[in-house]
């Protein structure tokens, strides 16, 4: 059996959420998607609220992953304790709410493990080592297939993680930079990898936010809370097709939709 896992890039603001709500279900049907993981850490611009998490599930996500903006909306803390289908990075310190990995039911009883990790290069350094965190998760996880959302800035860190987990994990994709990469590939021991799947949000923007706000920041202007840009949106993602017998990814396909 081939299991198709869809990884959807960071949902940005109300526009990205509305676009996801209109297109994810039809996309899953058209591409025979068995399991969908959506990064939702920017659903509120920066951070995510419980109502936005519920909307992402209603749109068709099986699991939501987060990232460095997890705590920008502290209302999510209690939700993370209650809802095991919403993951925050596993290598946050053990004192924060929620969980960083889980095993979920896929087609025909298939056990699909999902791990959410965050990188340390050019990010807040108050994270545990993502490589050793992945090791710990895999030791305790009883799953048939494992997929990883690695929320990281440095392309080198994402690539190193993919090679480190090749042969132990079937799919690994990067999130956070909001820019899709053209390096979708299958590594020698069967791990499907892409450095970044991109984002789901405004097309005419700088990483989803209003261009004038980004320009203001680089010109040294007063800081303002980032606001998602207006206008047409896009959905950027990747499909990992995994052979459940050999437990190897057989293909990785970038899939982008735009209005």
C-alpha atoms as a PDB file:
ATOM      1  CA  UNK A   1       0.000   0.000   0.000  1.00  0.00           C
ATOM      2  CA  UNK A   2       1.110   3.552  -0.731  1.00  0.00           C
ATOM      3  CA  UNK A   3       0.308   6.090   1.991  1.00  0.00           C
ATOM      4  CA  UNK A   4       0.215   9.714   0.814  1.00  0.00           C
ATOM      5  CA  UNK A   5       1.093  12.217   3.526  1.00  0.00           C
ATOM      6  CA  UNK A   6       0.487  15.901   2.777  1.00  0.00           C
ATOM      7  CA  UNK A   7       2.608  18.558   4.520  1.00  0.00           C
ATOM      8  CA  UNK A   8       1.112  22.064   4.323  1.00  0.00           C
ATOM      9  CA  UNK A   9       3.254  25.151   4.867  1.00  0.00           C
ATOM     10  CA  UNK A  10       2.663  27.723   7.606  1.00  0.00           C
ATOM     11  CA  UNK A  11      -0.873  29.134   7.561  1.00  0.00           C
ATOM     12  CA  UNK A  12      -0.680  32.951   7.788  1.00  0.00           C
ATOM     13  CA  UNK A  13      -3.577  35.049   9.080  1.00  0.00           C
ATOM     14  CA  UNK A  14      -7.269  34.982   8.287  1.00  0.00           C
ATOM     15  CA  UNK A  15      -6.592  34.986   4.548  1.00  0.00           C
ATOM     16  CA  UNK A  16      -4.436  31.870   4.727  1.00  0.00           C
ATOM     17  CA  UNK A  17      -6.931  30.149   6.998  1.00  0.00           C
ATOM     18  CA  UNK A  18      -9.848  30.943   4.703  1.00  0.00           C
ATOM     19  CA  UNK A  19      -7.907  29.711   1.665  1.00  0.00           C
ATOM     20  CA  UNK A  20      -7.014  26.489   3.468  1.00  0.00           C
ATOM     21  CA  UNK A  21     -10.660  26.004   4.430  1.00  0.00           C
ATOM     22  CA  UNK A  22     -11.757  26.248   0.801  1.00  0.00           C
ATOM     23  CA  UNK A  23      -9.045  24.147  -0.803  1.00  0.00           C
ATOM     24  CA  UNK A  24      -7.705  21.483   1.549  1.00  0.00           C
ATOM     25  CA  UNK A  25     -10.608  19.024   1.359  1.00  0.00           C
ATOM     26  CA  UNK A  26     -10.770  19.115  -2.477  1.00  0.00           C
ATOM     27  CA  UNK A  27      -6.988  18.822  -2.668  1.00  0.00           C
ATOM     28  CA  UNK A  28      -6.975  15.763  -0.417  1.00  0.00           C
ATOM     29  CA  UNK A  29      -9.652  14.103  -2.549  1.00  0.00           C
ATOM     30  CA  UNK A  30      -7.973  14.940  -5.856  1.00  0.00           C
ATOM     31  CA  UNK A  31      -4.542  13.696  -4.754  1.00  0.00           C
ATOM     32  CA  UNK A  32      -5.744  10.712  -2.689  1.00  0.00           C
ATOM     33  CA  UNK A  33      -4.238  12.086   0.518  1.00  0.00           C
ATOM     34  CA  UNK A  34      -4.455   9.723   3.491  1.00  0.00           C
ATOM     35  CA  UNK A  35      -3.054  12.015   6.182  1.00  0.00           C
ATOM     36  CA  UNK A  36      -2.494  15.785   6.337  1.00  0.00           C
ATOM     37  CA  UNK A  37      -0.175  17.738   8.638  1.00  0.00           C
ATOM     38  CA  UNK A  38      -0.638  21.530   8.650  1.00  0.00           C
ATOM     39  CA  UNK A  39       1.706  24.016  10.301  1.00  0.00           C
ATOM     40  CA  UNK A  40      -0.538  26.579  11.988  1.00  0.00           C
ATOM     41  CA  UNK A  41       1.804  28.713  14.058  1.00  0.00           C
ATOM     42  CA  UNK A  42       1.021  31.913  12.121  1.00  0.00           C
ATOM     43  CA  UNK A  43      -2.751  31.496  11.886  1.00  0.00           C
ATOM     44  CA  UNK A  44      -3.117  34.561  14.094  1.00  0.00           C
ATOM     45  CA  UNK A  45      -0.394  36.454  12.231  1.00  0.00           C
ATOM     46  CA  UNK A  46       2.040  35.405  14.940  1.00  0.00           C
ATOM     47  CA  UNK A  47       0.760  32.559  17.079  1.00  0.00           C
ATOM     48  CA  UNK A  48      -2.481  30.611  16.994  1.00  0.00           C
ATOM     49  CA  UNK A  49      -5.738  30.764  18.962  1.00  0.00           C
ATOM     50  CA  UNK A  50      -7.851  27.719  19.887  1.00  0.00           C
ATOM     51  CA  UNK A  51     -10.632  28.757  17.486  1.00  0.00           C
ATOM     52  CA  UNK A  52      -8.097  28.929  14.649  1.00  0.00           C
ATOM     53  CA  UNK A  53      -6.775  25.469  15.503  1.00  0.00           C
ATOM     54  CA  UNK A  54     -10.333  24.120  15.364  1.00  0.00           C
ATOM     55  CA  UNK A  55     -10.833  25.813  11.979  1.00  0.00           C
ATOM     56  CA  UNK A  56      -7.685  24.125  10.640  1.00  0.00           C
ATOM     57  CA  UNK A  57      -9.024  20.743  11.759  1.00  0.00           C
ATOM     58  CA  UNK A  58     -12.387  21.538  10.156  1.00  0.00           C
ATOM     59  CA  UNK A  59     -10.502  22.380   6.951  1.00  0.00           C
ATOM     60  CA  UNK A  60      -9.130  18.828   6.820  1.00  0.00           C
ATOM     61  CA  UNK A  61      -5.940  18.678   8.896  1.00  0.00           C
ATOM     62  CA  UNK A  62      -5.257  15.480  10.848  1.00  0.00           C
ATOM     63  CA  UNK A  63      -2.467  17.045  12.908  1.00  0.00           C
ATOM     64  CA  UNK A  64      -1.383  20.652  13.507  1.00  0.00           C
ATOM     65  CA  UNK A  65       2.270  21.507  14.111  1.00  0.00           C
ATOM     66  CA  UNK A  66       3.631  24.762  15.516  1.00  0.00           C
ATOM     67  CA  UNK A  67       6.962  26.593  15.875  1.00  0.00           C
ATOM     68  CA  UNK A  68       8.729  29.580  17.382  1.00  0.00           C
ATOM     69  CA  UNK A  69       5.513  31.634  17.614  1.00  0.00           C
ATOM     70  CA  UNK A  70       3.716  28.981  19.674  1.00  0.00           C
ATOM     71  CA  UNK A  71       3.515  31.198  22.751  1.00  0.00           C
ATOM     72  CA  UNK A  72       2.666  34.505  21.047  1.00  0.00           C
ATOM     73  CA  UNK A  73      -0.965  33.686  21.853  1.00  0.00           C
ATOM     74  CA  UNK A  74      -0.914  32.294  25.370  1.00  0.00           C
ATOM     75  CA  UNK A  75      -4.584  31.283  25.051  1.00  0.00           C
ATOM     76  CA  UNK A  76      -3.300  28.196  23.216  1.00  0.00           C
ATOM     77  CA  UNK A  77      -1.557  26.818  26.316  1.00  0.00           C
ATOM     78  CA  UNK A  78      -4.604  25.081  27.794  1.00  0.00           C
ATOM     79  CA  UNK A  79      -5.672  23.832  24.359  1.00  0.00           C
ATOM     80  CA  UNK A  80      -2.282  22.162  23.884  1.00  0.00           C
ATOM     81  CA  UNK A  81      -2.734  20.298  27.163  1.00  0.00           C
ATOM     82  CA  UNK A  82      -6.148  18.996  26.122  1.00  0.00           C
ATOM     83  CA  UNK A  83      -5.733  18.321  22.397  1.00  0.00           C
ATOM     84  CA  UNK A  84      -3.173  15.666  21.498  1.00  0.00           C
ATOM     85  CA  UNK A  85      -3.558  16.369  17.762  1.00  0.00           C
ATOM     86  CA  UNK A  86      -1.916  19.798  18.078  1.00  0.00           C
ATOM     87  CA  UNK A  87       1.834  19.583  18.583  1.00  0.00           C
ATOM     88  CA  UNK A  88       4.343  22.200  19.670  1.00  0.00           C
ATOM     89  CA  UNK A  89       8.080  21.659  19.096  1.00  0.00           C
ATOM     90  CA  UNK A  90       9.258  18.697  21.158  1.00  0.00           C
ATOM     91  CA  UNK A  91      12.546  20.359  22.089  1.00  0.00           C
ATOM     92  CA  UNK A  92      10.966  23.215  24.006  1.00  0.00           C
ATOM     93  CA  UNK A  93      11.899  22.839  27.649  1.00  0.00           C
ATOM     94  CA  UNK A  94       9.875  20.315  29.633  1.00  0.00           C
ATOM     95  CA  UNK A  95       8.255  23.119  31.661  1.00  0.00           C
ATOM     96  CA  UNK A  96       5.936  24.274  28.859  1.00  0.00           C
ATOM     97  CA  UNK A  97       2.456  22.830  28.181  1.00  0.00           C
ATOM     98  CA  UNK A  98       1.602  20.334  25.487  1.00  0.00           C
ATOM     99  CA  UNK A  99       3.462  17.593  23.659  1.00  0.00           C
ATOM    100  CA  UNK A 100       5.888  17.445  20.762  1.00  0.00           C
ATOM    101  CA  UNK A 101       5.079  14.112  19.171  1.00  0.00           C
ATOM    102  CA  UNK A 102       2.283  11.614  18.903  1.00  0.00           C
ATOM    103  CA  UNK A 103       1.059   8.514  17.106  1.00  0.00           C
ATOM    104  CA  UNK A 104      -2.154   8.832  15.134  1.00  0.00           C
ATOM    105  CA  UNK A 105      -4.427   6.465  13.244  1.00  0.00           C
ATOM    106  CA  UNK A 106      -4.031   6.428   9.485  1.00  0.00           C
ATOM    107  CA  UNK A 107      -5.755   4.351   6.782  1.00  0.00           C
ATOM    108  CA  UNK A 108      -6.442   0.662   7.548  1.00  0.00           C
ATOM    109  CA  UNK A 109      -5.177   1.005  11.108  1.00  0.00           C
ATOM    110  CA  UNK A 110      -1.777   2.331  10.046  1.00  0.00           C
ATOM    111  CA  UNK A 111       0.018   4.009  12.949  1.00  0.00           C
ATOM    112  CA  UNK A 112       1.503   7.322  11.805  1.00  0.00           C
ATOM    113  CA  UNK A 113       3.946   9.046  14.113  1.00  0.00           C
ATOM    114  CA  UNK A 114       4.449  12.813  13.836  1.00  0.00           C
ATOM    115  CA  UNK A 115       7.307  14.712  15.485  1.00  0.00           C
ATOM    116  CA  UNK A 116       7.481  18.511  15.655  1.00  0.00           C
ATOM    117  CA  UNK A 117      10.980  19.934  16.164  1.00  0.00           C
ATOM    118  CA  UNK A 118      12.481  23.424  16.147  1.00  0.00           C
ATOM    119  CA  UNK A 119      15.974  24.398  15.021  1.00  0.00           C
ATOM    120  CA  UNK A 120      18.546  26.325  17.029  1.00  0.00           C
ATOM    121  CA  UNK A 121      20.538  28.132  14.321  1.00  0.00           C
ATOM    122  CA  UNK A 122      19.551  31.815  14.198  1.00  0.00           C
ATOM    123  CA  UNK A 123      16.629  31.102  16.538  1.00  0.00           C
ATOM    124  CA  UNK A 124      15.966  31.561  20.251  1.00  0.00           C
ATOM    125  CA  UNK A 125      18.669  29.433  21.885  1.00  0.00           C
ATOM    126  CA  UNK A 126      16.408  28.278  24.732  1.00  0.00           C
ATOM    127  CA  UNK A 127      15.723  24.957  23.024  1.00  0.00           C
ATOM    128  CA  UNK A 128      17.049  21.514  23.678  1.00  0.00           C
ATOM    129  CA  UNK A 129      19.093  19.786  20.969  1.00  0.00           C
ATOM    130  CA  UNK A 130      16.630  18.759  18.202  1.00  0.00           C
ATOM    131  CA  UNK A 131      18.807  15.839  17.104  1.00  0.00           C
ATOM    132  CA  UNK A 132      18.910  14.150  20.501  1.00  0.00           C
ATOM    133  CA  UNK A 133      15.242  15.041  21.045  1.00  0.00           C
ATOM    134  CA  UNK A 134      14.400  13.149  17.854  1.00  0.00           C
ATOM    135  CA  UNK A 135      16.368  10.172  19.161  1.00  0.00           C
ATOM    136  CA  UNK A 136      14.347  10.142  22.390  1.00  0.00           C
ATOM    137  CA  UNK A 137      11.036  10.422  20.567  1.00  0.00           C
ATOM    138  CA  UNK A 138      11.850   7.547  18.212  1.00  0.00           C
ATOM    139  CA  UNK A 139      12.839   5.287  21.109  1.00  0.00           C
ATOM    140  CA  UNK A 140       9.407   5.654  22.727  1.00  0.00           C
ATOM    141  CA  UNK A 141       7.248   5.894  19.605  1.00  0.00           C
ATOM    142  CA  UNK A 142       5.426   2.754  18.431  1.00  0.00           C
ATOM    143  CA  UNK A 143       4.551   3.706  14.873  1.00  0.00           C
ATOM    144  CA  UNK A 144       4.524   2.135  11.416  1.00  0.00           C
ATOM    145  CA  UNK A 145       5.578   5.361   9.684  1.00  0.00           C
ATOM    146  CA  UNK A 146       7.091   8.570  11.079  1.00  0.00           C
ATOM    147  CA  UNK A 147       6.941  12.105   9.664  1.00  0.00           C
ATOM    148  CA  UNK A 148       8.799  15.153  10.983  1.00  0.00           C
ATOM    149  CA  UNK A 149       8.037  18.881  10.694  1.00  0.00           C
ATOM    150  CA  UNK A 150      11.379  20.602  11.384  1.00  0.00           C
ATOM    151  CA  UNK A 151      10.666  24.279  12.010  1.00  0.00           C
ATOM    152  CA  UNK A 152      14.061  25.851  11.409  1.00  0.00           C
ATOM    153  CA  UNK A 153      15.803  28.848   9.868  1.00  0.00           C
ATOM    154  CA  UNK A 154      19.027  27.317   8.544  1.00  0.00           C
ATOM    155  CA  UNK A 155      18.848  25.157   5.453  1.00  0.00           C
ATOM    156  CA  UNK A 156      22.005  23.367   6.611  1.00  0.00           C
ATOM    157  CA  UNK A 157      20.384  22.364   9.895  1.00  0.00           C
ATOM    158  CA  UNK A 158      17.341  20.999   8.074  1.00  0.00           C
ATOM    159  CA  UNK A 159      19.487  19.052   5.636  1.00  0.00           C
ATOM    160  CA  UNK A 160      21.667  17.635   8.399  1.00  0.00           C
ATOM    161  CA  UNK A 161      18.573  16.488  10.298  1.00  0.00           C
ATOM    162  CA  UNK A 162      17.258  14.706   7.208  1.00  0.00           C
ATOM    163  CA  UNK A 163      20.489  12.765   6.715  1.00  0.00           C
ATOM    164  CA  UNK A 164      20.675  12.049  10.450  1.00  0.00           C
ATOM    165  CA  UNK A 165      17.189  10.479  10.424  1.00  0.00           C
ATOM    166  CA  UNK A 166      17.425   8.744   7.036  1.00  0.00           C
ATOM    167  CA  UNK A 167      16.485   5.092   7.525  1.00  0.00           C
ATOM    168  CA  UNK A 168      14.578   5.798  10.745  1.00  0.00           C
ATOM    169  CA  UNK A 169      11.937   8.237   9.469  1.00  0.00           C
ATOM    170  CA  UNK A 170       9.976   8.201   6.201  1.00  0.00           C
ATOM    171  CA  UNK A 171       9.296  11.937   5.693  1.00  0.00           C
ATOM    172  CA  UNK A 172      10.888  15.176   6.869  1.00  0.00           C
ATOM    173  CA  UNK A 173      10.040  18.671   5.702  1.00  0.00           C
ATOM    174  CA  UNK A 174      11.093  22.125   6.761  1.00  0.00           C
ATOM    175  CA  UNK A 175       8.832  24.978   7.773  1.00  0.00           C
ATOM    176  CA  UNK A 176       9.398  28.526   9.116  1.00  0.00           C
ATOM    177  CA  UNK A 177      11.010  30.402   6.204  1.00  0.00           C
ATOM    178  CA  UNK A 178       7.707  30.599   4.242  1.00  0.00           C
ATOM    179  CA  UNK A 179       9.627  30.140   0.961  1.00  0.00           C
ATOM    180  CA  UNK A 180       9.296  26.787  -0.860  1.00  0.00           C
ATOM    181  CA  UNK A 181      12.477  25.098  -2.024  1.00  0.00           C
ATOM    182  CA  UNK A 182      13.141  23.093  -5.178  1.00  0.00           C
ATOM    183  CA  UNK A 183      15.097  20.237  -3.602  1.00  0.00           C
ATOM    184  CA  UNK A 184      12.407  17.582  -3.029  1.00  0.00           C
ATOM    185  CA  UNK A 185      14.217  14.228  -2.953  1.00  0.00           C
ATOM    186  CA  UNK A 186      14.376  10.740  -1.487  1.00  0.00           C
ATOM    187  CA  UNK A 187      17.561   9.998   0.481  1.00  0.00           C
ATOM    188  CA  UNK A 188      19.416   6.674   0.084  1.00  0.00           C
ATOM    189  CA  UNK A 189      17.683   4.846   2.957  1.00  0.00           C
ATOM    190  CA  UNK A 190      14.188   5.966   2.011  1.00  0.00           C
ATOM    191  CA  UNK A 191      13.538   9.278   3.764  1.00  0.00           C
ATOM    192  CA  UNK A 192      11.596  11.815   1.700  1.00  0.00           C
ATOM    193  CA  UNK A 193      12.908  15.355   2.242  1.00  0.00           C
ATOM    194  CA  UNK A 194      12.293  18.940   1.231  1.00  0.00           C
ATOM    195  CA  UNK A 195      14.049  21.870   2.905  1.00  0.00           C
ATOM    196  CA  UNK A 196      10.930  24.033   3.099  1.00  0.00           C
ATOM    197  CA  UNK A 197       7.337  23.549   1.957  1.00  0.00           C
ATOM    198  CA  UNK A 198       6.537  27.281   1.962  1.00  0.00           C
ATOM    199  CA  UNK A 199       3.398  28.913   3.372  1.00  0.00           C
ATOM    200  CA  UNK A 200      -0.356  29.218   3.038  1.00  0.00           C
ATOM    201  CA  UNK A 201      -1.253  32.884   2.910  1.00  0.00           C
ATOM    202  CA  UNK A 202      -1.132  36.175   0.980  1.00  0.00           C
ATOM    203  CA  UNK A 203       0.685  36.128  -2.347  1.00  0.00           C
ATOM    204  CA  UNK A 204       1.517  39.851  -2.477  1.00  0.00           C
ATOM    205  CA  UNK A 205       3.429  40.006   0.775  1.00  0.00           C
ATOM    206  CA  UNK A 206       6.784  39.571   2.454  1.00  0.00           C
ATOM    207  CA  UNK A 207       6.512  36.108   4.024  1.00  0.00           C
ATOM    208  CA  UNK A 208       2.794  36.734   4.475  1.00  0.00           C
ATOM    209  CA  UNK A 209       2.979  40.162   6.105  1.00  0.00           C
ATOM    210  CA  UNK A 210       2.301  43.610   4.664  1.00  0.00           C
ATOM    211  CA  UNK A 211       5.334  44.636   2.548  1.00  0.00           C
ATOM    212  CA  UNK A 212       5.461  48.126   4.057  1.00  0.00           C
ATOM    213  CA  UNK A 213       5.915  46.630   7.506  1.00  0.00           C
ATOM    214  CA  UNK A 214       8.883  44.561   6.352  1.00  0.00           C
ATOM    215  CA  UNK A 215      10.408  47.598   4.618  1.00  0.00           C
ATOM    216  CA  UNK A 216       9.914  49.704   7.750  1.00  0.00           C
ATOM    217  CA  UNK A 217      11.757  47.113   9.823  1.00  0.00           C
ATOM    218  CA  UNK A 218      14.767  47.020   7.498  1.00  0.00           C
ATOM    219  CA  UNK A 219      14.891  50.826   7.377  1.00  0.00           C
ATOM    220  CA  UNK A 220      15.097  50.933  11.170  1.00  0.00           C
ATOM    221  CA  UNK A 221      11.602  52.279  11.841  1.00  0.00           C
ATOM    222  CA  UNK A 222       9.620  51.801  15.020  1.00  0.00           C
ATOM    223  CA  UNK A 223       8.565  48.183  15.540  1.00  0.00           C
ATOM    224  CA  UNK A 224       4.918  47.275  14.963  1.00  0.00           C
ATOM    225  CA  UNK A 225       3.027  44.052  15.406  1.00  0.00           C
ATOM    226  CA  UNK A 226       3.117  42.247  12.086  1.00  0.00           C
ATOM    227  CA  UNK A 227      -0.163  42.223  10.162  1.00  0.00           C
ATOM    228  CA  UNK A 228      -0.959  39.732   7.384  1.00  0.00           C
ATOM    229  CA  UNK A 229      -1.186  41.299   3.931  1.00  0.00           C
ATOM    230  CA  UNK A 230      -4.469  41.568   2.056  1.00  0.00           C
ATOM    231  CA  UNK A 231      -5.269  40.182  -1.372  1.00  0.00           C
ATOM    232  CA  UNK A 232      -5.167  36.790  -3.098  1.00  0.00           C
ATOM    233  CA  UNK A 233      -3.688  33.801  -1.298  1.00  0.00           C
ATOM    234  CA  UNK A 234      -1.819  30.604  -2.096  1.00  0.00           C
ATOM    235  CA  UNK A 235      -1.301  27.168  -0.558  1.00  0.00           C
ATOM    236  CA  UNK A 236       2.145  25.580  -0.692  1.00  0.00           C
ATOM    237  CA  UNK A 237       2.706  21.968   0.280  1.00  0.00           C
ATOM    238  CA  UNK A 238       4.416  18.676  -0.487  1.00  0.00           C
ATOM    239  CA  UNK A 239       3.145  15.116  -0.857  1.00  0.00           C
ATOM    240  CA  UNK A 240       5.220  12.240   0.499  1.00  0.00           C
ATOM    241  CA  UNK A 241       4.236   8.887  -1.023  1.00  0.00           C
ATOM    242  CA  UNK A 242       5.373   6.080   1.270  1.00  0.00           C
ATOM    243  CA  UNK A 243       5.425   2.346   0.654  1.00  0.00           C
ATOM    244  CA  UNK A 244       4.022   0.871   3.868  1.00  0.00           C
ATOM    245  CA  UNK A 245       5.635  -2.537   3.249  1.00  0.00           C
ATOM    246  CA  UNK A 246       9.220  -1.433   2.657  1.00  0.00           C
ATOM    247  CA  UNK A 247       8.715   1.637   4.898  1.00  0.00           C
ATOM    248  CA  UNK A 248      10.455   3.817   2.345  1.00  0.00           C
ATOM    249  CA  UNK A 249       9.319   7.022   0.715  1.00  0.00           C
ATOM    250  CA  UNK A 250       9.058   6.465  -3.023  1.00  0.00           C
ATOM    251  CA  UNK A 251       8.458  10.055  -4.149  1.00  0.00           C
ATOM    252  CA  UNK A 252       8.158  13.649  -2.948  1.00  0.00           C
ATOM    253  CA  UNK A 253       6.033  16.057  -4.973  1.00  0.00           C
ATOM    254  CA  UNK A 254       5.759  19.774  -4.384  1.00  0.00           C
ATOM    255  CA  UNK A 255       2.186  20.952  -4.776  1.00  0.00           C
ATOM    256  CA  UNK A 256       1.288  24.647  -4.915  1.00  0.00           C
ATOM    257  CA  UNK A 257      -2.130  26.244  -5.401  1.00  0.00           C
ATOM    258  CA  UNK A 258      -2.778  29.916  -6.086  1.00  0.00           C
ATOM    259  CA  UNK A 259      -5.807  32.061  -6.847  1.00  0.00           C
END
